[in-house]
């Protein structure tokens, strides 16, 4: 297996073909179709309740599987940390995995009850009515806009990068366009008085943004929830396929770990984590590891993506079931991703832009 790994490292990077692009187009069309179906479902109730709350009819699966949380950071930021620092990231991600479970358990029942009693259809509406204070409602709106803007930056950037990578015969999997010939990646549009130049990244960002805005405007809250459910299932299937493909290519987990250790150092398999920079501080000292279980768990109780779904749930029994489902789903996503990225360090030992490890592995192990 070690000889095979050396030969893999010397191979040219795989290119995305038309099959990759075709599957991505089907995924986009499927998301828009789900938005249309959601639009029909929302018409069964009033516009406000249907468009913003999905008629308060979310089941356990729709409540638990929220792709908005598991997307950009999960498949680019988190894998980059595993690739760079090793097994210790399993402890780092452990606290994050129980954040939504804690939130559902602490405030789920109370929030769902208050939203029904007050008739609130948005989170700011709930706070404003509950405390009888327009100022609190306005403050909540401002904080939500600020928080969600930063949250969505990662999602839209990740979507643009995926579309860039999936371009037929793309010659390079890069986070930026400056490593490939500009002539191969730019598109000029002549307008009166000036010329607009767009790169593949910009085209991907525009396309991704258009698709997301389209199915959200068509289907409202329910469209976002149903596409989240669809995307969450696809992510789980993709992770399972990539887990098998990566372990097979790396010759098993033990061989992948030992090979990664040769390329890095002892910190890759022990705490506080490996760091390639000379004199760099420990990645995860014990004090920071403990603090994660305080900051993330309690600081993440009121995430907007979870609050609005709790308000739209059918009943308390659905919230309880969703906690079990979300526990299993988190383990089925994050634990395999750790293994996948350990294999990635063995298969692609010297990756400079480490955010690319998942798309690179997906193309390499399925080519």
Protein backbone atom coordinates (compact mmCIF):
# COMPACT_ATOMS: atom_id res chain seq x y z
CA UNK A 1 0.00 0.00 0.00
CA UNK A 2 2.82 2.44 0.76
CA UNK A 3 4.23 2.07 -2.76
CA UNK A 4 0.77 2.66 -4.17
CA UNK A 5 0.41 5.82 -2.08
CA UNK A 6 3.69 7.17 -3.43
CA UNK A 7 2.51 6.60 -6.99
CA UNK A 8 -0.77 8.38 -6.28
CA UNK A 9 1.08 11.46 -4.98
CA UNK A 10 2.98 11.69 -8.27
CA UNK A 11 -0.12 11.53 -10.47
CA UNK A 12 -1.47 14.71 -12.10
CA UNK A 13 -4.51 16.22 -10.43
CA UNK A 14 -7.77 14.80 -11.81
CA UNK A 15 -10.02 17.09 -13.81
CA UNK A 16 -13.74 17.46 -13.55
CA UNK A 17 -15.52 16.01 -16.57
CA UNK A 18 -18.91 16.59 -18.09
CA UNK A 19 -20.42 13.93 -15.83
CA UNK A 20 -19.60 16.05 -12.78
CA UNK A 21 -21.19 19.10 -14.36
CA UNK A 22 -24.27 17.12 -15.43
CA UNK A 23 -24.88 15.85 -11.89
CA UNK A 24 -24.51 19.38 -10.55
CA UNK A 25 -27.06 20.67 -13.07
CA UNK A 26 -29.48 17.90 -12.02
CA UNK A 27 -28.96 18.90 -8.40
CA UNK A 28 -29.77 22.53 -9.21
CA UNK A 29 -32.89 21.57 -11.16
CA UNK A 30 -33.97 19.30 -8.30
CA UNK A 31 -33.62 22.14 -5.80
CA UNK A 32 -35.74 24.48 -7.93
CA UNK A 33 -38.36 21.74 -8.40
CA UNK A 34 -38.52 21.27 -4.61
CA UNK A 35 -39.11 25.02 -4.29
CA UNK A 36 -42.06 24.76 -6.68
CA UNK A 37 -43.54 21.85 -4.71
CA UNK A 38 -43.10 23.80 -1.48
CA UNK A 39 -44.94 26.74 -3.02
CA UNK A 40 -47.95 24.53 -3.67
CA UNK A 41 -47.85 23.22 -0.12
CA UNK A 42 -47.77 26.70 1.43
CA UNK A 43 -50.98 27.67 -0.37
CA UNK A 44 -52.99 25.37 1.90
CA UNK A 45 -52.79 27.99 4.67
CA UNK A 46 -52.59 31.77 4.76
CA UNK A 47 -49.73 33.49 2.96
CA UNK A 48 -47.91 34.75 6.09
CA UNK A 49 -48.18 31.50 8.02
CA UNK A 50 -47.48 29.38 4.96
CA UNK A 51 -44.61 31.38 3.44
CA UNK A 52 -42.75 32.16 6.69
CA UNK A 53 -43.62 29.15 8.89
CA UNK A 54 -44.59 26.32 6.54
CA UNK A 55 -48.01 26.17 8.27
CA UNK A 56 -46.19 25.00 11.43
CA UNK A 57 -46.07 21.48 10.06
CA UNK A 58 -42.40 20.46 10.24
CA UNK A 59 -41.80 16.81 11.05
CA UNK A 60 -38.83 15.29 12.84
CA UNK A 61 -36.69 14.77 9.72
CA UNK A 62 -37.23 18.30 8.40
CA UNK A 63 -36.52 19.74 11.85
CA UNK A 64 -33.34 17.74 12.41
CA UNK A 65 -31.54 17.86 9.07
CA UNK A 66 -30.45 21.45 8.50
CA UNK A 67 -27.98 21.65 5.63
CA UNK A 68 -27.42 25.36 6.30
CA UNK A 69 -25.38 24.36 9.35
CA UNK A 70 -23.55 21.45 7.69
CA UNK A 71 -22.17 22.90 4.47
CA UNK A 72 -19.38 25.43 3.90
CA UNK A 73 -17.64 25.04 7.24
CA UNK A 74 -18.30 21.31 7.43
CA UNK A 75 -16.84 20.41 4.05
CA UNK A 76 -14.08 23.00 3.68
CA UNK A 77 -13.15 24.68 6.98
CA UNK A 78 -13.39 21.64 9.27
CA UNK A 79 -11.60 19.24 6.83
CA UNK A 80 -8.82 21.81 6.50
CA UNK A 81 -8.27 21.68 10.27
CA UNK A 82 -8.17 17.88 10.30
CA UNK A 83 -5.74 17.85 7.40
CA UNK A 84 -3.47 20.37 9.11
CA UNK A 85 -3.61 19.27 12.76
CA UNK A 86 -4.62 15.60 12.82
CA UNK A 87 -6.69 13.47 15.15
CA UNK A 88 -6.99 16.06 17.93
CA UNK A 89 -9.65 17.86 15.86
CA UNK A 90 -12.01 15.03 16.85
CA UNK A 91 -12.06 16.55 20.35
CA UNK A 92 -12.42 20.05 18.89
CA UNK A 93 -15.51 19.08 16.90
CA UNK A 94 -17.02 17.04 19.74
CA UNK A 95 -18.54 20.06 21.45
CA UNK A 96 -19.92 21.47 18.20
CA UNK A 97 -21.75 18.21 17.51
CA UNK A 98 -23.90 18.61 20.62
CA UNK A 99 -24.67 22.34 20.15
CA UNK A 100 -27.96 21.84 18.26
CA UNK A 101 -28.96 19.01 20.60
CA UNK A 102 -28.52 21.27 23.60
CA UNK A 103 -30.48 24.05 21.95
CA UNK A 104 -33.36 21.77 21.02
CA UNK A 105 -33.50 20.32 24.52
CA UNK A 106 -33.26 23.59 26.46
CA UNK A 107 -35.51 25.95 24.52
CA UNK A 108 -37.34 23.78 21.99
CA UNK A 109 -40.59 23.12 23.84
CA UNK A 110 -40.83 26.60 25.34
CA UNK A 111 -40.10 28.36 22.06
CA UNK A 112 -42.64 26.31 20.11
CA UNK A 113 -45.29 26.97 22.78
CA UNK A 114 -44.66 30.73 22.88
CA UNK A 115 -44.71 31.09 19.10
CA UNK A 116 -48.13 29.45 18.96
CA UNK A 117 -49.52 31.40 21.88
CA UNK A 118 -48.36 34.76 20.55
CA UNK A 119 -48.96 33.97 16.88
CA UNK A 120 -45.39 35.03 16.03
CA UNK A 121 -44.11 33.97 12.61
CA UNK A 122 -40.51 35.25 12.86
CA UNK A 123 -37.93 35.28 15.64
CA UNK A 124 -37.95 39.12 16.02
CA UNK A 125 -41.76 38.98 16.03
CA UNK A 126 -41.63 36.48 18.90
CA UNK A 127 -39.29 38.62 21.00
CA UNK A 128 -41.23 41.80 20.32
CA UNK A 129 -44.55 40.21 21.31
CA UNK A 130 -43.22 38.23 24.27
CA UNK A 131 -41.63 41.27 25.95
CA UNK A 132 -44.04 43.85 24.52
CA UNK A 133 -41.13 45.93 23.30
CA UNK A 134 -40.59 47.12 19.70
CA UNK A 135 -37.02 48.05 20.67
CA UNK A 136 -36.22 44.43 21.56
CA UNK A 137 -37.74 43.26 18.30
CA UNK A 138 -35.64 45.75 16.33
CA UNK A 139 -32.48 44.78 18.21
CA UNK A 140 -33.17 41.12 17.47
CA UNK A 141 -33.60 41.92 13.77
CA UNK A 142 -30.27 43.76 13.61
CA UNK A 143 -28.41 40.95 15.35
CA UNK A 144 -29.99 38.33 13.10
CA UNK A 145 -29.03 40.24 9.96
CA UNK A 146 -25.46 40.60 11.20
CA UNK A 147 -25.12 36.99 12.31
CA UNK A 148 -26.75 35.45 9.25
CA UNK A 149 -24.63 37.59 6.90
CA UNK A 150 -21.40 36.14 8.31
CA UNK A 151 -22.91 32.65 8.38
CA UNK A 152 -23.97 32.78 4.75
CA UNK A 153 -20.65 34.17 3.48
CA UNK A 154 -19.11 30.72 3.94
CA UNK A 155 -22.03 28.98 2.23
CA UNK A 156 -22.02 31.21 -0.85
CA UNK A 157 -18.24 31.08 -1.15
CA UNK A 158 -18.31 27.29 -0.90
CA UNK A 159 -21.05 27.09 -3.53
CA UNK A 160 -19.03 29.27 -5.90
CA UNK A 161 -15.92 27.14 -5.40
CA UNK A 162 -17.84 23.92 -6.06
CA UNK A 163 -19.22 25.30 -9.31
CA UNK A 164 -15.75 26.49 -10.28
CA UNK A 165 -14.25 23.06 -9.58
CA UNK A 166 -17.07 21.27 -11.42
CA UNK A 167 -16.46 23.22 -14.62
CA UNK A 168 -15.74 20.72 -17.43
CA UNK A 169 -12.03 20.07 -17.87
CA UNK A 170 -11.06 22.59 -15.20
CA UNK A 171 -7.28 22.56 -15.22
CA UNK A 172 -6.74 23.34 -11.55
CA UNK A 173 -8.59 22.97 -8.28
CA UNK A 174 -7.68 26.28 -6.68
CA UNK A 175 -9.34 28.58 -4.17
CA UNK A 176 -8.24 31.58 -6.22
CA UNK A 177 -7.90 32.25 -9.93
CA UNK A 178 -4.34 33.57 -9.89
CA UNK A 179 -2.66 30.17 -10.31
CA UNK A 180 -3.97 29.46 -13.82
CA UNK A 181 -3.81 31.40 -17.06
CA UNK A 182 -6.27 34.28 -16.93
CA UNK A 183 -7.22 33.77 -20.57
CA UNK A 184 -8.63 30.35 -19.76
CA UNK A 185 -10.81 31.54 -16.90
CA UNK A 186 -12.22 34.97 -17.72
CA UNK A 187 -15.28 36.07 -19.61
CA UNK A 188 -15.57 39.61 -20.91
CA UNK A 189 -18.90 41.37 -21.38
CA UNK A 190 -18.86 44.63 -23.33
CA UNK A 191 -21.16 47.28 -21.93
CA UNK A 192 -21.53 50.90 -23.07
CA UNK A 193 -18.38 52.66 -21.97
CA UNK A 194 -16.59 49.79 -20.23
CA UNK A 195 -15.98 46.03 -20.15
CA UNK A 196 -17.00 43.68 -17.34
CA UNK A 197 -14.61 40.78 -16.75
CA UNK A 198 -15.90 37.77 -14.80
CA UNK A 199 -13.90 34.75 -13.68
CA UNK A 200 -15.27 31.25 -13.27
CA UNK A 201 -15.46 31.90 -9.56
CA UNK A 202 -17.67 34.94 -10.15
CA UNK A 203 -19.88 33.04 -12.59
CA UNK A 204 -20.24 30.23 -10.05
CA UNK A 205 -21.11 32.73 -7.31
CA UNK A 206 -23.77 34.37 -9.48
CA UNK A 207 -25.27 31.02 -10.49
CA UNK A 208 -25.29 29.67 -6.94
CA UNK A 209 -26.83 32.87 -5.56
CA UNK A 210 -29.50 32.90 -8.25
CA UNK A 211 -30.51 29.30 -7.57
CA UNK A 212 -30.72 29.79 -3.78
CA UNK A 213 -32.70 33.02 -4.06
CA UNK A 214 -35.00 31.47 -6.68
CA UNK A 215 -36.12 28.41 -4.74
CA UNK A 216 -36.40 30.46 -1.53
CA UNK A 217 -38.61 33.09 -3.17
CA UNK A 218 -40.74 30.41 -4.81
CA UNK A 219 -41.15 28.08 -1.85
CA UNK A 220 -40.58 30.41 1.10
CA UNK A 221 -39.57 28.89 4.43
CA UNK A 222 -40.81 25.46 3.42
CA UNK A 223 -38.77 25.59 0.22
CA UNK A 224 -35.62 26.28 2.26
CA UNK A 225 -36.45 23.47 4.69
CA UNK A 226 -37.21 20.88 2.02
CA UNK A 227 -34.08 21.70 0.02
CA UNK A 228 -32.12 21.50 3.29
CA UNK A 229 -33.50 18.01 3.84
CA UNK A 230 -32.68 17.02 0.26
CA UNK A 231 -29.14 18.40 0.52
CA UNK A 232 -28.56 16.81 3.94
CA UNK A 233 -29.42 13.37 2.59
CA UNK A 234 -27.13 13.89 -0.40
CA UNK A 235 -24.32 15.00 1.90
CA UNK A 236 -24.71 11.90 4.06
CA UNK A 237 -24.64 9.59 1.02
CA UNK A 238 -21.64 11.45 -0.39
CA UNK A 239 -19.72 11.19 2.88
CA UNK A 240 -20.37 7.44 3.07
CA UNK A 241 -19.14 6.93 -0.50
CA UNK A 242 -16.07 9.08 0.08
CA UNK A 243 -15.33 7.27 3.37
CA UNK A 244 -15.21 3.90 1.60
CA UNK A 245 -13.27 5.27 -1.37
CA UNK A 246 -10.70 7.05 0.81
CA UNK A 247 -10.09 4.11 3.13
CA UNK A 248 -9.71 1.80 0.14
CA UNK A 249 -7.29 4.14 -1.61
CA UNK A 250 -5.24 4.68 1.56
CA UNK A 251 -4.98 0.99 2.41
CA UNK A 252 -7.01 1.20 5.62
CA UNK A 253 -7.14 3.62 8.53
CA UNK A 254 -4.00 2.35 10.29
CA UNK A 255 -1.91 2.64 7.15
CA UNK A 256 -3.35 6.09 6.45
CA UNK A 257 -2.51 7.28 9.96
CA UNK A 258 1.05 5.93 9.86
CA UNK A 259 1.64 7.40 6.40
CA UNK A 260 0.29 10.78 7.52
CA UNK A 261 2.55 10.60 10.57
CA UNK A 262 5.58 10.20 8.30
CA UNK A 263 4.59 13.31 6.38
CA UNK A 264 3.97 15.40 9.53
CA UNK A 265 5.03 14.70 13.11
CA UNK A 266 3.95 13.11 16.42
CA UNK A 267 1.38 15.83 17.06
CA UNK A 268 -0.70 14.55 14.15
CA UNK A 269 -1.82 11.54 16.18
CA UNK A 270 -1.62 13.02 19.71
CA UNK A 271 -2.63 16.22 21.46
CA UNK A 272 -2.34 19.16 21.27
CA UNK A 273 -2.18 18.75 17.49
CA UNK A 274 0.39 19.05 14.72
CA UNK A 275 1.54 22.41 13.39
CA UNK A 276 3.81 22.79 10.38
CA UNK A 277 4.96 26.29 11.38
CA UNK A 278 8.10 26.53 13.50
CA UNK A 279 7.37 28.05 16.90
CA UNK A 280 3.59 28.06 16.32
CA UNK A 281 1.42 27.74 19.44
CA UNK A 282 -0.32 24.49 20.25
CA UNK A 283 -3.48 24.02 18.21
CA UNK A 284 -5.63 22.67 21.00
CA UNK A 285 -4.19 22.90 24.52
CA UNK A 286 -6.28 21.31 27.25
CA UNK A 287 -7.61 24.63 28.53
CA UNK A 288 -8.93 25.57 25.09
CA UNK A 289 -10.40 22.11 24.56
CA UNK A 290 -12.38 22.44 27.80
CA UNK A 291 -13.53 25.96 26.97
CA UNK A 292 -14.99 24.78 23.66
CA UNK A 293 -17.51 22.71 25.60
CA UNK A 294 -18.65 25.85 27.41
CA UNK A 295 -18.50 28.50 24.68
CA UNK A 296 -19.93 26.49 21.80
CA UNK A 297 -22.60 24.59 23.68
CA UNK A 298 -24.09 27.59 25.47
CA UNK A 299 -23.22 30.20 22.86
CA UNK A 300 -24.86 28.14 20.13
CA UNK A 301 -28.20 27.55 21.84
CA UNK A 302 -29.96 30.36 20.00
CA UNK A 303 -28.76 29.87 16.43
CA UNK A 304 -31.29 31.44 14.03
CA UNK A 305 -31.45 28.41 11.74
CA UNK A 306 -32.59 26.28 14.67
CA UNK A 307 -34.92 28.79 16.34
CA UNK A 308 -37.21 29.32 13.38
CA UNK A 309 -37.49 25.57 12.79
CA UNK A 310 -38.45 24.99 16.41
CA UNK A 311 -41.19 27.59 16.03
CA UNK A 312 -42.50 25.75 12.96
CA UNK A 313 -42.45 22.23 14.47
CA UNK A 314 -45.64 20.21 14.73
CA UNK A 315 -45.46 19.43 18.45
CA UNK A 316 -43.18 18.52 21.35
CA UNK A 317 -42.98 14.86 20.32
CA UNK A 318 -41.48 15.91 16.98
CA UNK A 319 -38.79 17.95 18.76
CA UNK A 320 -37.84 14.95 20.92
CA UNK A 321 -37.56 12.68 17.87
CA UNK A 322 -35.49 15.25 16.01
CA UNK A 323 -32.91 15.27 18.83
CA UNK A 324 -32.28 11.54 18.31
CA UNK A 325 -32.14 11.91 14.54
CA UNK A 326 -29.76 14.86 14.72
CA UNK A 327 -27.46 12.99 17.09
CA UNK A 328 -27.11 10.12 14.63
CA UNK A 329 -26.75 12.46 11.66
CA UNK A 330 -23.98 14.49 13.29
CA UNK A 331 -22.02 11.34 14.06
CA UNK A 332 -22.61 10.11 10.51
CA UNK A 333 -21.17 13.32 9.05
CA UNK A 334 -18.37 14.55 11.31
CA UNK A 335 -16.75 11.30 12.46
CA UNK A 336 -16.36 9.92 8.92
CA UNK A 337 -15.02 13.30 7.76
CA UNK A 338 -12.22 13.00 10.31
CA UNK A 339 -11.25 9.60 8.92
CA UNK A 340 -11.56 10.87 5.34
CA UNK A 341 -9.20 13.79 5.97
CA UNK A 342 -6.65 11.57 7.74
CA UNK A 343 -6.67 9.48 4.56
CA UNK A 344 -6.40 12.69 2.60
CA UNK A 345 -3.16 13.62 4.35
CA UNK A 346 -1.75 10.24 3.35
CA UNK A 347 -2.96 10.41 -0.26
CA UNK A 348 -2.19 14.10 -0.89
CA UNK A 349 0.56 14.93 1.63
CA UNK A 350 1.62 18.41 0.46
CA UNK A 351 -1.59 20.27 -0.31
CA UNK A 352 -1.02 24.01 0.02
CA UNK A 353 -4.64 25.20 -0.10
CA UNK A 354 -5.97 22.77 2.47
CA UNK A 355 -9.59 23.91 2.08
CA UNK A 356 -9.56 21.91 -1.15
CA UNK A 357 -8.97 18.51 0.44
CA UNK A 358 -12.55 17.22 0.10
CA UNK A 359 -13.12 18.15 -3.58
CA UNK A 360 -9.63 16.89 -4.46
CA UNK A 361 -10.25 13.59 -2.71
CA UNK A 362 -13.68 13.24 -4.32
CA UNK A 363 -12.18 13.53 -7.80
CA UNK A 364 -9.09 11.46 -7.04
CA UNK A 365 -10.78 8.48 -5.38
CA UNK A 366 -13.68 8.27 -7.84
CA UNK A 367 -11.75 8.88 -11.07
